[in-house]
Amino acid sequence: MPKQYHHTVIVRGRGGKRISFPIDMLRYDRLTPDSELDSGKINESVSNFGRDEAIGYFVLCREADRNWTPTEGRWESFMYEVMAHTVRDYQRGVIDRRVNYRLMNVEEDTQKMLDRL
């Protein structure tokens, strides 16, 4: 079996109104919520679809080979953006981090989000 790496992906909906989280993307990219907090945020997003307030970002994860990447085009088809992707080796720590800084707003607590990577 090839060596597995821990991938962490941060996504957020774009647009004015809250966009329901695309549950099918969990299956498609084989991702899971990174924490109970993220699981609750996904549930809240689906339950309160269409409200004006934004729910923020979601942190997701999976185990895969080093070269796996999230399917950004498919996320975009659901009006979601991939903000960051980190690859972690369990022995060596973080070995690759890709952050899309143009998607970050000054109002967001960017450092807090990046700390979760």
C-alpha atoms as a PDB file:
ATOM      1  CA  MET A   1       0.000   0.000   0.000  1.00  0.00           C
ATOM      2  CA  PRO A   2       1.422   3.428  -0.948  1.00  0.00           C
ATOM      3  CA  LYS A   3       2.298   5.846   1.835  1.00  0.00           C
ATOM      4  CA  GLN A   4      -0.666   7.944   2.963  1.00  0.00           C
ATOM      5  CA  TYR A   5      -0.554  11.651   3.798  1.00  0.00           C
ATOM      6  CA  HIS A   6      -3.039  13.768   5.732  1.00  0.00           C
ATOM      7  CA  HIS A   7      -4.657  16.421   3.513  1.00  0.00           C
ATOM      8  CA  THR A   8      -6.481  19.411   5.000  1.00  0.00           C
ATOM      9  CA  VAL A   9      -8.680  21.513   2.723  1.00  0.00           C
ATOM     10  CA  ILE A  10     -10.424  24.805   3.552  1.00  0.00           C
ATOM     11  CA  VAL A  11     -13.429  25.818   1.458  1.00  0.00           C
ATOM     12  CA  ARG A  12     -16.049  28.566   1.673  1.00  0.00           C
ATOM     13  CA  GLY A  13     -19.174  29.533  -0.213  1.00  0.00           C
ATOM     14  CA  ARG A  14     -19.160  32.645  -2.328  1.00  0.00           C
ATOM     15  CA  GLY A  15     -21.953  35.067  -3.017  1.00  0.00           C
ATOM     16  CA  GLY A  16     -24.199  37.268  -0.918  1.00  0.00           C
ATOM     17  CA  LYS A  17     -26.632  34.774   0.556  1.00  0.00           C
ATOM     18  CA  ARG A  18     -25.665  31.658   2.405  1.00  0.00           C
ATOM     19  CA  ILE A  19     -25.096  28.784   0.026  1.00  0.00           C
ATOM     20  CA  SER A  20     -25.952  25.310   1.247  1.00  0.00           C
ATOM     21  CA  PHE A  21     -22.879  23.155   1.713  1.00  0.00           C
ATOM     22  CA  PRO A  22     -22.501  20.707  -1.223  1.00  0.00           C
ATOM     23  CA  ILE A  23     -22.724  17.417   0.701  1.00  0.00           C
ATOM     24  CA  ASP A  24     -21.996  15.467  -2.494  1.00  0.00           C
ATOM     25  CA  MET A  25     -18.486  16.972  -2.537  1.00  0.00           C
ATOM     26  CA  LEU A  26     -17.627  15.022   0.609  1.00  0.00           C
ATOM     27  CA  ARG A  27     -18.263  11.837  -1.345  1.00  0.00           C
ATOM     28  CA  TYR A  28     -16.718  13.081  -4.590  1.00  0.00           C
ATOM     29  CA  ASP A  29     -13.413  14.211  -3.027  1.00  0.00           C
ATOM     30  CA  ARG A  30     -13.660  11.583  -0.244  1.00  0.00           C
ATOM     31  CA  LEU A  31     -13.397  14.257   2.445  1.00  0.00           C
ATOM     32  CA  THR A  32     -14.671  14.341   6.029  1.00  0.00           C
ATOM     33  CA  PRO A  33     -15.193  17.293   8.385  1.00  0.00           C
ATOM     34  CA  ASP A  34     -11.964  18.006  10.259  1.00  0.00           C
ATOM     35  CA  SER A  35     -13.683  18.456  13.610  1.00  0.00           C
ATOM     36  CA  GLU A  36     -17.038  18.315  15.351  1.00  0.00           C
ATOM     37  CA  LEU A  37     -17.217  22.097  14.886  1.00  0.00           C
ATOM     38  CA  ASP A  38     -16.939  21.708  11.101  1.00  0.00           C
ATOM     39  CA  SER A  39     -19.518  18.922  11.102  1.00  0.00           C
ATOM     40  CA  GLY A  40     -21.941  21.210  12.971  1.00  0.00           C
ATOM     41  CA  LYS A  41     -21.286  24.074  10.551  1.00  0.00           C
ATOM     42  CA  ILE A  42     -22.088  21.797   7.591  1.00  0.00           C
ATOM     43  CA  ASN A  43     -25.331  20.723   9.269  1.00  0.00           C
ATOM     44  CA  GLU A  44     -26.220  24.366  10.005  1.00  0.00           C
ATOM     45  CA  SER A  45     -25.490  25.331   6.401  1.00  0.00           C
ATOM     46  CA  VAL A  46     -27.829  22.677   5.048  1.00  0.00           C
ATOM     47  CA  SER A  47     -30.540  23.408   7.653  1.00  0.00           C
ATOM     48  CA  ASN A  48     -30.540  27.201   7.210  1.00  0.00           C
ATOM     49  CA  PHE A  49     -30.152  27.409   3.437  1.00  0.00           C
ATOM     50  CA  GLY A  50     -30.746  30.877   1.947  1.00  0.00           C
ATOM     51  CA  ARG A  51     -30.313  33.035   5.038  1.00  0.00           C
ATOM     52  CA  ASP A  52     -28.430  36.293   4.595  1.00  0.00           C
ATOM     53  CA  GLU A  53     -25.597  35.753   7.060  1.00  0.00           C
ATOM     54  CA  ALA A  54     -22.523  33.943   5.841  1.00  0.00           C
ATOM     55  CA  ILE A  55     -21.409  30.821   7.662  1.00  0.00           C
ATOM     56  CA  GLY A  56     -17.704  31.248   6.948  1.00  0.00           C
ATOM     57  CA  TYR A  57     -15.311  28.514   6.005  1.00  0.00           C
ATOM     58  CA  PHE A  58     -15.246  24.732   6.410  1.00  0.00           C
ATOM     59  CA  VAL A  59     -12.176  22.652   7.237  1.00  0.00           C
ATOM     60  CA  LEU A  60     -12.176  19.176   5.685  1.00  0.00           C
ATOM     61  CA  CYS A  61      -9.637  16.365   5.602  1.00  0.00           C
ATOM     62  CA  ARG A  62      -8.736  13.002   4.104  1.00  0.00           C
ATOM     63  CA  GLU A  63      -5.930  10.473   3.837  1.00  0.00           C
ATOM     64  CA  ALA A  64      -4.472  10.027   0.331  1.00  0.00           C
ATOM     65  CA  ASP A  65      -1.225   9.842  -1.598  1.00  0.00           C
ATOM     66  CA  ARG A  66       0.965  12.933  -1.675  1.00  0.00           C
ATOM     67  CA  ASN A  67      -0.200  14.142  -5.108  1.00  0.00           C
ATOM     68  CA  TRP A  68      -3.954  14.209  -4.399  1.00  0.00           C
ATOM     69  CA  THR A  69      -5.614  17.613  -4.860  1.00  0.00           C
ATOM     70  CA  PRO A  70      -9.203  18.785  -4.337  1.00  0.00           C
ATOM     71  CA  THR A  71     -11.309  19.132  -7.500  1.00  0.00           C
ATOM     72  CA  GLU A  72     -11.444  22.934  -7.498  1.00  0.00           C
ATOM     73  CA  GLY A  73     -13.510  23.191 -10.684  1.00  0.00           C
ATOM     74  CA  ARG A  74     -16.215  20.978  -9.225  1.00  0.00           C
ATOM     75  CA  TRP A  75     -16.240  22.977  -5.954  1.00  0.00           C
ATOM     76  CA  GLU A  76     -16.669  26.131  -8.058  1.00  0.00           C
ATOM     77  CA  SER A  77     -19.653  24.592  -9.848  1.00  0.00           C
ATOM     78  CA  PHE A  78     -21.360  24.547  -6.413  1.00  0.00           C
ATOM     79  CA  MET A  79     -20.355  28.205  -5.776  1.00  0.00           C
ATOM     80  CA  TYR A  80     -17.606  27.194  -3.334  1.00  0.00           C
ATOM     81  CA  GLU A  81     -13.936  28.139  -3.405  1.00  0.00           C
ATOM     82  CA  VAL A  82     -10.952  26.124  -2.244  1.00  0.00           C
ATOM     83  CA  MET A  83      -9.055  28.596  -0.060  1.00  0.00           C
ATOM     84  CA  ALA A  84      -6.198  26.389   1.124  1.00  0.00           C
ATOM     85  CA  HIS A  85      -4.808  22.856   0.891  1.00  0.00           C
ATOM     86  CA  THR A  86      -2.123  21.380   3.132  1.00  0.00           C
ATOM     87  CA  VAL A  87      -0.339  18.039   2.867  1.00  0.00           C
ATOM     88  CA  ARG A  88       1.065  16.609   6.110  1.00  0.00           C
ATOM     89  CA  ASP A  89       3.474  13.733   6.575  1.00  0.00           C
ATOM     90  CA  TYR A  90       2.954  12.135   9.976  1.00  0.00           C
ATOM     91  CA  GLN A  91       6.697  11.905  10.646  1.00  0.00           C
ATOM     92  CA  ARG A  92       7.890  15.181   9.086  1.00  0.00           C
ATOM     93  CA  GLY A  93       4.927  17.519   9.623  1.00  0.00           C
ATOM     94  CA  VAL A  94       3.625  19.904   6.932  1.00  0.00           C
ATOM     95  CA  ILE A  95       5.375  19.284   3.626  1.00  0.00           C
ATOM     96  CA  ASP A  96       3.203  21.344   1.266  1.00  0.00           C
ATOM     97  CA  ARG A  97       0.810  24.250   1.789  1.00  0.00           C
ATOM     98  CA  ARG A  98      -1.135  26.030  -0.946  1.00  0.00           C
ATOM     99  CA  VAL A  99      -3.088  29.108   0.113  1.00  0.00           C
ATOM    100  CA  ASN A 100      -5.133  31.195  -2.301  1.00  0.00           C
ATOM    101  CA  TYR A 101      -4.526  34.605  -0.698  1.00  0.00           C
ATOM    102  CA  ARG A 102      -6.602  36.464  -3.281  1.00  0.00           C
ATOM    103  CA  LEU A 103      -9.702  34.785  -1.771  1.00  0.00           C
ATOM    104  CA  MET A 104      -8.938  36.007   1.738  1.00  0.00           C
ATOM    105  CA  ASN A 105     -10.792  39.104   2.947  1.00  0.00           C
ATOM    106  CA  VAL A 106      -9.242  41.551   5.371  1.00  0.00           C
ATOM    107  CA  GLU A 107     -12.310  41.163   7.632  1.00  0.00           C
ATOM    108  CA  GLU A 108     -11.736  37.432   8.049  1.00  0.00           C
ATOM    109  CA  ASP A 109      -9.607  36.102  10.843  1.00  0.00           C
ATOM    110  CA  THR A 110      -7.155  34.699   8.315  1.00  0.00           C
ATOM    111  CA  GLN A 111      -4.472  33.716  10.810  1.00  0.00           C
ATOM    112  CA  LYS A 112      -6.943  31.732  12.929  1.00  0.00           C
ATOM    113  CA  MET A 113      -8.055  29.836   9.831  1.00  0.00           C
ATOM    114  CA  LEU A 114      -4.485  29.157   8.694  1.00  0.00           C
ATOM    115  CA  ASP A 115      -3.586  27.923  12.181  1.00  0.00           C
ATOM    116  CA  ARG A 116      -6.027  25.041  11.641  1.00  0.00           C
ATOM    117  CA  LEU A 117      -3.859  23.828   8.787  1.00  0.00           C
END
